[in-house]
Protein backbone atom coordinates (compact mmCIF):
# COMPACT_ATOMS: atom_id res chain seq x y z
CA MET A 1 0.20 0.19 0.16
CA SER A 2 2.81 2.10 -0.11
CA GLY A 3 2.73 5.39 -1.91
CA ARG A 4 -1.06 5.02 -2.27
CA ARG A 5 -4.00 6.61 -1.32
CA LEU A 6 -7.27 4.76 -0.49
CA PRO A 7 -10.08 5.45 -2.68
CA GLY A 8 -11.87 8.16 -2.70
CA THR A 9 -9.41 10.53 -0.62
CA ASP A 10 -8.01 13.13 -2.76
CA ARG A 11 -7.18 15.58 -0.53
CA ASP A 12 -7.24 19.69 -1.25
CA GLU A 13 -3.98 21.76 -0.02
CA GLY A 14 -3.98 23.04 3.62
CA GLU A 15 -6.66 20.26 4.82
CA ALA A 16 -5.85 18.81 8.10
CA ARG A 17 -3.22 16.32 8.72
CA VAL A 18 -3.87 12.60 9.90
CA VAL A 19 -1.59 11.76 12.57
CA CYS A 20 -1.25 8.45 14.26
CA HIS A 21 0.36 7.79 17.77
CA VAL A 22 1.05 3.93 18.16
CA ASP A 23 2.08 3.20 21.59
CA MET A 24 2.95 0.14 22.52
CA ASP A 25 1.06 -1.23 25.93
CA CYS A 26 3.40 -3.02 28.74
CA PHE A 27 5.93 -3.30 25.96
CA TYR A 28 8.26 -5.67 27.97
CA ALA A 29 5.39 -7.67 29.73
CA SER A 30 3.81 -7.86 26.41
CA CYS A 31 7.28 -9.29 24.76
CA GLU A 32 7.44 -11.74 27.28
CA ARG A 33 4.37 -12.92 26.93
CA LEU A 34 4.85 -13.57 23.29
CA ARG A 35 7.65 -15.59 23.93
CA GLU A 36 5.70 -17.53 27.34
CA PRO A 37 2.11 -17.41 26.10
CA GLU A 38 0.76 -19.03 28.73
CA LEU A 39 1.96 -15.44 30.33
CA ASP A 40 -1.42 -14.27 29.50
CA GLY A 41 -3.93 -12.66 31.40
CA GLU A 42 -1.40 -13.26 34.00
CA PRO A 43 0.48 -10.35 36.44
CA VAL A 44 3.97 -10.23 34.77
CA VAL A 45 6.72 -7.81 36.69
CA VAL A 46 9.72 -7.02 34.11
CA GLY A 47 12.64 -6.09 36.15
CA MET A 48 15.76 -4.33 35.41
CA GLY A 49 19.18 -5.33 37.44
CA TYR A 50 17.08 -8.10 38.63
CA GLU A 51 17.84 -11.80 37.93
CA SER A 52 15.12 -14.53 38.97
CA GLY A 53 14.99 -15.53 42.19
CA ASP A 54 16.82 -12.25 43.42
CA ASP A 55 14.88 -9.34 45.42
CA ALA A 56 17.71 -6.59 43.95
CA GLY A 57 16.33 -4.15 40.79
CA ALA A 58 14.07 -1.75 40.02
CA VAL A 59 10.48 -2.55 38.27
CA ALA A 60 10.89 -1.43 34.36
CA THR A 61 7.69 -2.54 33.71
CA ALA A 62 4.47 -4.08 35.35
CA SER A 63 1.43 -5.69 33.08
CA TYR A 64 -1.92 -3.73 34.40
CA GLU A 65 -2.99 -7.35 36.44
CA ALA A 66 0.76 -6.12 38.25
CA ARG A 67 -0.36 -2.86 38.51
CA GLU A 68 -3.99 -3.45 40.11
CA TYR A 69 -2.06 -4.64 43.16
CA GLY A 70 0.13 -1.15 43.28
CA VAL A 71 3.37 -2.67 41.49
CA GLU A 72 4.44 0.23 39.23
CA SER A 73 7.19 1.57 37.18
CA ALA A 74 10.49 2.53 38.89
CA GLN A 75 9.55 1.12 41.74
CA ALA A 76 12.22 -1.30 43.82
CA ILE A 77 11.69 -5.04 43.26
CA THR A 78 11.14 -5.69 47.09
CA GLN A 79 8.29 -3.52 47.65
CA ALA A 80 6.82 -5.17 44.16
CA LEU A 81 7.68 -8.22 45.63
CA GLU A 82 6.07 -7.17 49.10
CA ARG A 83 2.42 -6.24 47.10
CA LEU A 84 2.96 -9.22 45.01
CA PRO A 85 5.51 -12.31 45.52
CA ARG A 86 6.58 -14.17 42.91
CA VAL A 87 4.48 -17.20 41.83
CA ASP A 88 6.40 -19.93 43.44
CA GLU A 89 6.43 -18.34 47.13
CA ALA A 90 2.90 -16.72 47.37
CA GLY A 91 1.33 -20.24 48.34
CA ALA A 92 -2.77 -19.66 47.67
CA GLY A 93 -2.75 -15.73 47.48
CA PRO A 94 -2.01 -13.72 44.26
CA ALA A 95 1.12 -13.70 42.59
CA ALA A 96 3.17 -12.28 39.95
CA HIS A 97 5.48 -13.66 37.03
CA TYR A 98 8.94 -12.17 37.51
CA ARG A 99 10.82 -11.93 34.64
CA PRO A 100 14.77 -9.83 34.13
CA VAL A 101 14.84 -7.42 31.43
CA ASP A 102 16.02 -9.05 27.91
CA LEU A 103 16.69 -5.96 26.05
CA ASP A 104 17.93 -7.97 22.91
CA PHE A 105 14.59 -9.85 23.00
CA TYR A 106 13.02 -6.46 23.24
CA GLY A 107 14.43 -5.04 20.60
CA ASP A 108 13.95 -8.05 18.28
CA VAL A 109 9.99 -7.44 19.00
CA ALA A 110 10.75 -3.72 18.05
CA ASP A 111 11.65 -3.69 15.01
CA GLU A 112 9.09 -6.15 13.76
CA VAL A 113 7.00 -3.88 14.83
CA LYS A 114 9.04 -0.67 13.45
CA LYS A 115 8.54 -2.52 9.76
CA VAL A 116 4.94 -2.58 10.42
CA LEU A 117 4.83 1.22 10.69
CA HIS A 118 7.00 2.21 8.08
CA ASP A 119 5.32 0.09 5.80
CA CYS A 120 1.89 2.00 6.93
CA ALA A 121 3.82 5.40 6.73
CA ASP A 122 5.83 7.33 4.20
CA ILE A 123 6.86 9.56 7.50
CA VAL A 124 7.39 8.19 10.88
CA ARG A 125 9.32 9.61 13.60
CA GLU A 126 10.33 6.89 16.39
CA VAL A 127 10.19 8.22 19.79
CA SER A 128 11.44 5.29 21.71
CA ILE A 129 11.74 1.54 21.56
CA ASP A 130 7.72 1.38 22.03
CA GLU A 131 6.33 4.78 20.82
CA ALA A 132 6.38 6.21 17.57
CA TYR A 133 4.29 8.98 15.47
CA LEU A 134 2.77 8.32 12.13
CA ASP A 135 2.02 11.05 9.44
CA VAL A 136 -0.67 9.18 7.01
CA THR A 137 -2.31 12.30 5.60
CA ASP A 138 -1.33 10.89 2.50
CA ARG A 139 -2.83 7.62 3.05
CA THR A 140 -6.32 8.49 4.19
CA ALA A 141 -8.14 11.53 4.95
CA TRP A 142 -11.14 12.52 7.52
CA ASP A 143 -14.19 12.00 5.20
CA VAL A 144 -17.06 10.22 6.73
CA VAL A 145 -17.78 7.00 5.50
CA ASP A 146 -21.02 4.81 6.82
CA GLY A 147 -20.87 6.67 10.05
CA ARG A 148 -17.12 6.49 10.71
CA THR A 149 -13.84 8.57 9.16
CA LEU A 150 -11.45 7.04 6.92
CA ALA A 151 -8.64 8.05 9.13
CA GLU A 152 -9.94 5.97 12.22
CA GLY A 153 -10.40 3.03 9.65
CA TYR A 154 -6.87 3.48 8.46
CA ALA A 155 -5.43 3.56 12.34
CA ARG A 156 -7.51 0.60 13.13
CA HIS A 157 -5.50 -1.17 10.30
CA VAL A 158 -1.88 0.01 11.63
CA LYS A 159 -3.28 -1.27 15.26
CA GLU A 160 -4.33 -4.66 13.72
CA ARG A 161 -1.24 -5.55 11.24
CA ILE A 162 0.76 -5.01 14.73
CA GLU A 163 -1.43 -7.07 16.42
CA ARG A 164 -1.47 -9.98 13.68
CA GLU A 165 2.01 -9.98 12.49
CA VAL A 166 3.49 -9.34 15.30
CA GLY A 167 1.59 -10.78 18.45
CA VAL A 168 1.89 -7.88 20.49
CA PRO A 169 -0.94 -5.30 21.77
CA ALA A 170 -0.91 -1.23 20.91
CA SER A 171 -2.56 1.59 21.71
CA VAL A 172 -3.23 3.95 19.04
CA GLY A 173 -4.50 7.75 18.48
CA VAL A 174 -5.39 9.57 15.57
CA ALA A 175 -5.89 13.33 15.50
CA PRO A 176 -4.91 16.03 13.40
CA ASN A 177 -1.85 16.84 15.20
CA MET A 178 1.21 15.10 17.38
CA SER A 179 0.05 16.04 20.81
CA THR A 180 -3.84 15.38 20.77
CA ALA A 181 -2.88 12.27 18.63
CA LYS A 182 -0.04 11.48 21.84
CA VAL A 183 -3.43 12.20 24.31
CA ALA A 184 -5.90 10.09 22.09
CA SER A 185 -3.17 6.97 22.69
CA ASP A 186 -3.03 7.50 26.50
CA HIS A 187 -6.87 7.87 26.60
CA ASP A 188 -8.21 3.74 26.59
CA LYS A 189 -5.26 1.85 27.80
CA PRO A 190 -5.12 -1.11 26.69
CA ASP A 191 -5.42 -1.52 23.15
CA GLY A 192 -6.95 1.07 22.82
CA LEU A 193 -8.02 3.31 19.41
CA VAL A 194 -9.18 7.05 19.62
CA ALA A 195 -10.04 8.88 17.09
CA VAL A 196 -10.48 12.95 17.01
CA PRO A 197 -11.53 14.36 14.08
CA PRO A 198 -10.77 18.31 12.99
CA GLY A 199 -13.16 20.14 14.71
CA THR A 200 -14.02 18.07 17.82
CA VAL A 201 -10.16 18.67 19.27
CA ALA A 202 -11.45 21.30 21.80
CA ASP A 203 -14.30 19.84 22.96
CA PHE A 204 -12.25 16.10 23.69
CA LEU A 205 -9.66 17.75 25.07
CA GLU A 206 -11.63 20.21 27.76
CA PRO A 207 -12.50 18.15 30.31
CA LEU A 208 -9.48 16.30 30.71
CA ASP A 209 -7.25 16.09 33.57
CA VAL A 210 -4.23 18.60 33.07
CA GLU A 211 -1.93 16.13 33.67
CA GLU A 212 -2.97 14.02 30.34
CA ILE A 213 -1.86 17.25 28.21
CA HIS A 214 1.41 16.16 26.24
CA GLY A 215 4.44 17.54 28.39
CA VAL A 216 2.55 18.35 31.61
CA GLY A 217 4.24 16.11 34.03
CA PRO A 218 3.63 15.48 37.83
CA VAL A 219 5.63 18.54 38.54
CA THR A 220 4.21 21.41 36.32
CA ALA A 221 0.40 19.43 36.92
CA ARG A 222 0.95 20.47 40.79
CA GLU A 223 2.08 24.05 40.06
CA LEU A 224 -0.83 24.35 37.68
CA ARG A 225 -3.43 23.27 39.93
CA ALA A 226 -1.91 25.64 42.65
CA ILE A 227 -2.82 28.38 40.41
CA GLY A 228 -6.33 26.73 39.77
CA VAL A 229 -5.66 24.97 36.62
CA GLU A 230 -7.06 21.72 36.81
CA THR A 231 -8.19 20.43 33.53
CA ALA A 232 -7.21 21.10 30.28
CA GLY A 233 -10.25 23.43 29.80
CA ASP A 234 -8.90 25.40 32.71
CA LEU A 235 -5.49 25.39 30.95
CA ALA A 236 -6.83 26.17 27.33
CA ALA A 237 -8.48 29.00 29.26
CA ALA A 238 -5.27 30.69 31.30
CA GLY A 239 -4.01 33.78 29.93
CA PRO A 240 -1.04 33.21 27.84
CA ALA A 241 0.89 35.89 29.70
CA VAL A 242 0.66 34.45 33.41
CA LEU A 243 1.59 30.99 31.66
CA ARG A 244 4.77 32.52 30.42
CA ASP A 245 5.23 34.54 33.65
CA ARG A 246 5.48 31.12 35.09
CA PHE A 247 6.75 28.62 33.15
CA GLY A 248 8.46 30.60 30.03
CA GLU A 249 7.60 29.40 26.45
CA ARG A 250 6.76 26.33 27.72
CA GLY A 251 3.73 27.39 29.57
CA VAL A 252 2.63 29.09 26.13
CA ASP A 253 3.72 26.10 24.26
CA LEU A 254 1.25 24.01 27.25
CA HIS A 255 -1.18 26.25 26.51
CA ARG A 256 -1.53 26.00 22.49
CA ARG A 257 -1.57 22.17 23.00
CA ALA A 258 -4.30 22.57 25.47
CA ARG A 259 -6.41 23.87 22.26
CA GLY A 260 -5.31 21.58 20.15
CA ASP A 261 -2.91 24.05 18.31
CA ASP A 262 0.16 21.83 17.14
CA ASP A 263 1.13 22.81 14.16
CA ARG A 264 4.35 20.44 14.41
CA ALA A 265 5.17 18.29 11.24
CA VAL A 266 5.97 14.88 11.93
CA THR A 267 9.68 14.25 10.97
CA PRO A 268 11.88 11.20 10.93
CA ARG A 269 14.93 11.42 13.25
CA GLY A 270 18.23 11.54 10.53
CA LYS A 271 18.82 9.04 8.14
CA PRO A 272 17.75 5.21 8.28
CA LYS A 273 20.43 2.59 8.64
CA SER A 274 18.77 -0.01 6.67
CA LEU A 275 15.53 -0.50 4.88
CA SER A 276 14.32 -3.51 4.54
CA ARG A 277 10.79 -5.34 3.45
CA GLU A 278 9.04 -8.46 5.45
CA SER A 279 6.13 -10.30 4.64
CA ALA A 280 4.52 -12.98 6.86
CA PHE A 281 2.86 -15.90 5.61
CA SER A 282 -0.83 -16.62 6.28
CA GLU A 283 0.17 -20.43 7.51
CA PRO A 284 3.99 -21.17 8.48
CA THR A 285 5.98 -23.10 5.62
CA ASP A 286 8.44 -25.22 4.54
CA ASP A 287 8.06 -24.95 0.89
CA PRO A 288 11.37 -24.21 -0.09
CA GLU A 289 10.16 -22.93 -3.29
CA ARG A 290 7.43 -20.74 -1.68
CA LYS A 291 10.42 -18.85 0.28
CA ARG A 292 12.59 -18.32 -2.43
CA LYS A 293 9.88 -16.98 -4.46
CA ARG A 294 8.51 -14.91 -1.83
CA VAL A 295 12.38 -14.07 -0.96
CA ARG A 296 12.85 -12.76 -4.63
CA ALA A 297 9.79 -10.31 -4.15
CA LEU A 298 10.86 -8.89 -1.44
CA ALA A 299 14.77 -8.40 -2.79
CA GLY A 300 13.24 -6.69 -5.48
CA ASP A 301 11.27 -4.21 -3.30
CA VAL A 302 13.64 -3.55 -1.03
CA ALA A 303 16.02 -2.75 -3.77
CA GLU A 304 13.44 -0.61 -5.60
CA ARG A 305 12.94 1.83 -2.67
CA ALA A 306 17.06 1.90 -2.07
CA ARG A 307 17.36 3.37 -5.29
CA THR A 308 14.31 5.71 -4.70
CA ARG A 309 15.92 7.21 -2.06
CA GLU A 310 19.32 7.30 -3.96
CA ALA A 311 20.74 5.05 -1.09
CA THR A 312 23.79 2.60 -1.80
CA TYR A 313 24.24 0.02 0.83
CA ARG A 314 26.73 -2.52 1.62
CA THR A 315 25.43 -5.29 3.82
CA ILE A 316 22.97 -7.41 2.11
CA GLY A 317 20.81 -9.64 4.55
CA ILE A 318 17.70 -11.63 5.53
CA LYS A 319 15.33 -12.67 8.19
CA ALA A 320 13.70 -15.75 8.89
CA VAL A 321 11.47 -16.35 11.76
CA GLU A 322 10.35 -19.77 12.71
CA PRO A 323 7.37 -20.68 15.14
CA PRO A 324 6.32 -18.95 17.27
CA PHE A 325 9.21 -16.46 17.47
CA ASP A 326 12.22 -17.28 17.03
CA VAL A 327 14.37 -14.67 14.66
CA ASN A 328 17.08 -15.72 12.60
CA THR A 329 19.36 -13.14 10.90
CA ARG A 330 22.38 -13.22 8.23
CA ALA A 331 24.16 -11.09 6.22
CA ARG A 332 27.14 -10.61 3.85
CA SER A 333 28.79 -7.39 3.68
CA LEU A 334 30.53 -5.61 0.35
CA SER A 335 33.92 -3.62 0.36
CA GLY A 336 31.80 -0.46 -0.03
CA PRO A 337 28.50 0.50 -1.44
CA VAL A 338 26.64 -0.80 -4.76
CA ASP A 339 23.17 -0.18 -5.94
CA ASP A 340 22.89 -3.63 -7.86
CA PRO A 341 18.82 -5.52 -7.63
CA ASP A 342 20.22 -8.31 -9.30
CA LEU A 343 23.56 -8.44 -6.54
CA VAL A 344 20.67 -8.28 -3.65
CA GLU A 345 18.61 -10.30 -5.00
CA ARG A 346 21.46 -13.06 -5.25
CA VAL A 347 22.52 -13.11 -2.00
CA ALA A 348 19.73 -12.80 -0.21
CA LEU A 349 18.54 -16.72 -1.90
CA ASP A 350 22.51 -17.56 -1.22
CA LEU A 351 21.55 -16.67 2.46
CA LEU A 352 18.01 -18.35 2.58
CA ALA A 353 19.89 -21.66 1.75
CA GLU A 354 20.12 -22.38 4.91
CA PHE A 355 16.77 -22.68 5.65
CA GLU A 356 15.79 -24.56 2.90
CA SER A 357 13.79 -27.23 4.86
CA ALA A 358 13.18 -24.87 8.12
CA THR A 359 9.73 -24.25 8.66
CA VAL A 360 9.02 -19.89 8.69
CA ARG A 361 6.16 -17.66 9.36
CA LYS A 362 8.18 -14.99 8.13
CA LEU A 363 10.58 -13.74 6.12
CA GLY A 364 12.50 -10.27 5.24
CA VAL A 365 14.95 -8.96 2.97
CA ARG A 366 17.61 -5.80 4.57
CA VAL A 367 19.77 -3.78 2.91
CA SER A 368 21.84 -1.70 5.35
CA ASN A 369 25.04 0.38 6.39
CA LEU A 370 23.17 2.94 3.44
CA SER A 371 25.33 5.88 1.79
CA PHE A 372 23.53 8.50 0.51
CA ALA A 373 25.96 10.88 -0.67
CA ASP A 374 26.97 10.02 -4.30
CA GLY A 375 30.43 8.14 -4.74
CA GLU A 376 31.96 5.75 -6.60
CA GLN A 377 30.70 2.18 -6.05
CA ALA A 378 32.45 -1.15 -4.80
CA ARG A 379 33.79 -3.68 -7.22
CA LEU A 380 30.89 -6.08 -7.12
CA ASP A 381 33.41 -8.80 -6.55
CA GLY A 382 34.71 -7.31 -3.74
CA TRP A 383 33.20 -9.43 -1.11
CA GLU A 384 34.28 -9.94 2.35
CA GLY A 385 34.20 -13.72 3.22
CA GLU A 386 30.81 -15.02 5.03
CA ASP A 387 33.12 -16.05 7.92
CA ASP A 388 34.54 -12.92 8.78
CA THR A 389 33.67 -10.78 11.66
CA ASP A 390 35.46 -7.62 11.13
CA GLY A 391 32.15 -5.58 10.11
CA ALA A 392 33.14 -2.62 12.40
CA GLY A 393 30.61 -0.80 10.68
CA ASP A 394 27.54 -3.39 11.12
CA ALA A 395 28.01 -3.65 14.97
CA ALA A 396 28.71 0.62 15.16
CA SER A 397 25.24 0.96 13.36
CA GLY A 398 23.36 -2.12 15.06
CA ASP A 399 23.05 -4.01 11.78
CA ASP A 400 23.85 -7.51 11.46
CA SER A 401 27.54 -8.62 11.65
CA ALA A 402 29.15 -10.62 8.32
CA ALA A 403 29.34 -13.59 10.60
CA PRO A 404 26.21 -16.35 9.95
CA ARG A 405 24.95 -16.33 13.46
CA ARG A 406 21.58 -15.82 15.19
CA ARG A 407 21.51 -11.94 16.42
CA ARG A 408 19.55 -10.28 18.84
CA GLY A 409 18.29 -6.63 17.71
CA GLN A 410 20.80 -4.24 19.66
CA VAL A 411 19.18 -0.93 21.13
CA SER A 412 19.79 1.99 23.17
CA LEU A 413 17.23 2.29 26.11
CA GLY A 414 16.76 4.28 29.15
CA ASP A 415 16.65 2.15 32.83
CA PHE A 416 12.93 2.37 32.45
CA GLU A 417 10.60 1.52 29.11
CA SER A 418 9.73 4.82 27.84
CA GLY A 419 6.37 5.71 29.11
CA SER A 420 5.25 2.87 31.24
CA ALA A 421 3.90 4.74 33.69
CA SER A 422 1.14 6.77 31.76
CA GLU A 423 0.52 2.89 30.05
């Protein structure tokens, strides 16, 4: 669907943007459930600095079932254990499944989610491992069909693709601007979908607690309440000069957001490090020809995407996902950047040979170590050996090593899951 608008969505110049905010629900806990389906519906606590059976560390995220017992993000594990002991220590009372943080695995799952997002939108701003903004203005519109906006339908399409193709839940807000879309995604968690069409933004925001406005944290909320600002409507009605005196220019920005006035464009953060295409089979397959046919199509697609972006690449790789979610990647590196669709197909098929007899649920092709500057291409026979693990550029960018091994995605995170307190 990339690059094409839905039927009947021709847009006039100046029409309101369609912005989706995608926020994964209790992402670390959802990943653990993906790996251990028997945890579904059970209280799950994921600890940073925690080891199985230990009581050190802090809560990185807690499932909604665990939060009902007062377990919260950034809480000490010892305090969490007082409220919800481990299942093997609880006797007949309520208990939780405690798991140590596995950032590599969560990075792999996040990569899967991001592939869906980049396929659903031409403009994606990745905020963190579990949160992103999508500008889908060129894919849909605010037109109403059968009592529902096309934008809401498209947001549901994004949400359902994440659930179907990756297996983790997301809450999605869709609105004419970024700050309102963010508020909307938080409004009906977990597994929520809230659409705020143009013309309804102010009415949607007005009754909300002031702390729900994007950018208002607990400290700012206390200061606002001290001057009588309890709701978003109060903040919208407050004098901008008063807010500027109290909070500086940030106060003016919050005033605008409370009124639904946010003209920021969704902008990606830097140039991509890789380009990829992935496709899931309707049912897992071990048919070698079906797998080769799919990889050929994916290789052609990803090579075309690189060419349209005027990008060359130094690494070509594949991904093979075996049921239930065993992610395998293989890659080879050139001695310099190239632009050669035939080479992408040839290398991808060669790498696929290792999985000829494997049952897979999804396949993907990726080109990485991208270069966007014009320059001399490497000779096509300038291969590094497949067993060469030198690939310093690969490791630096978080891409696959040239060595044929299983790789867990590398991610850069803070101490706690982003946004977990508001999930």
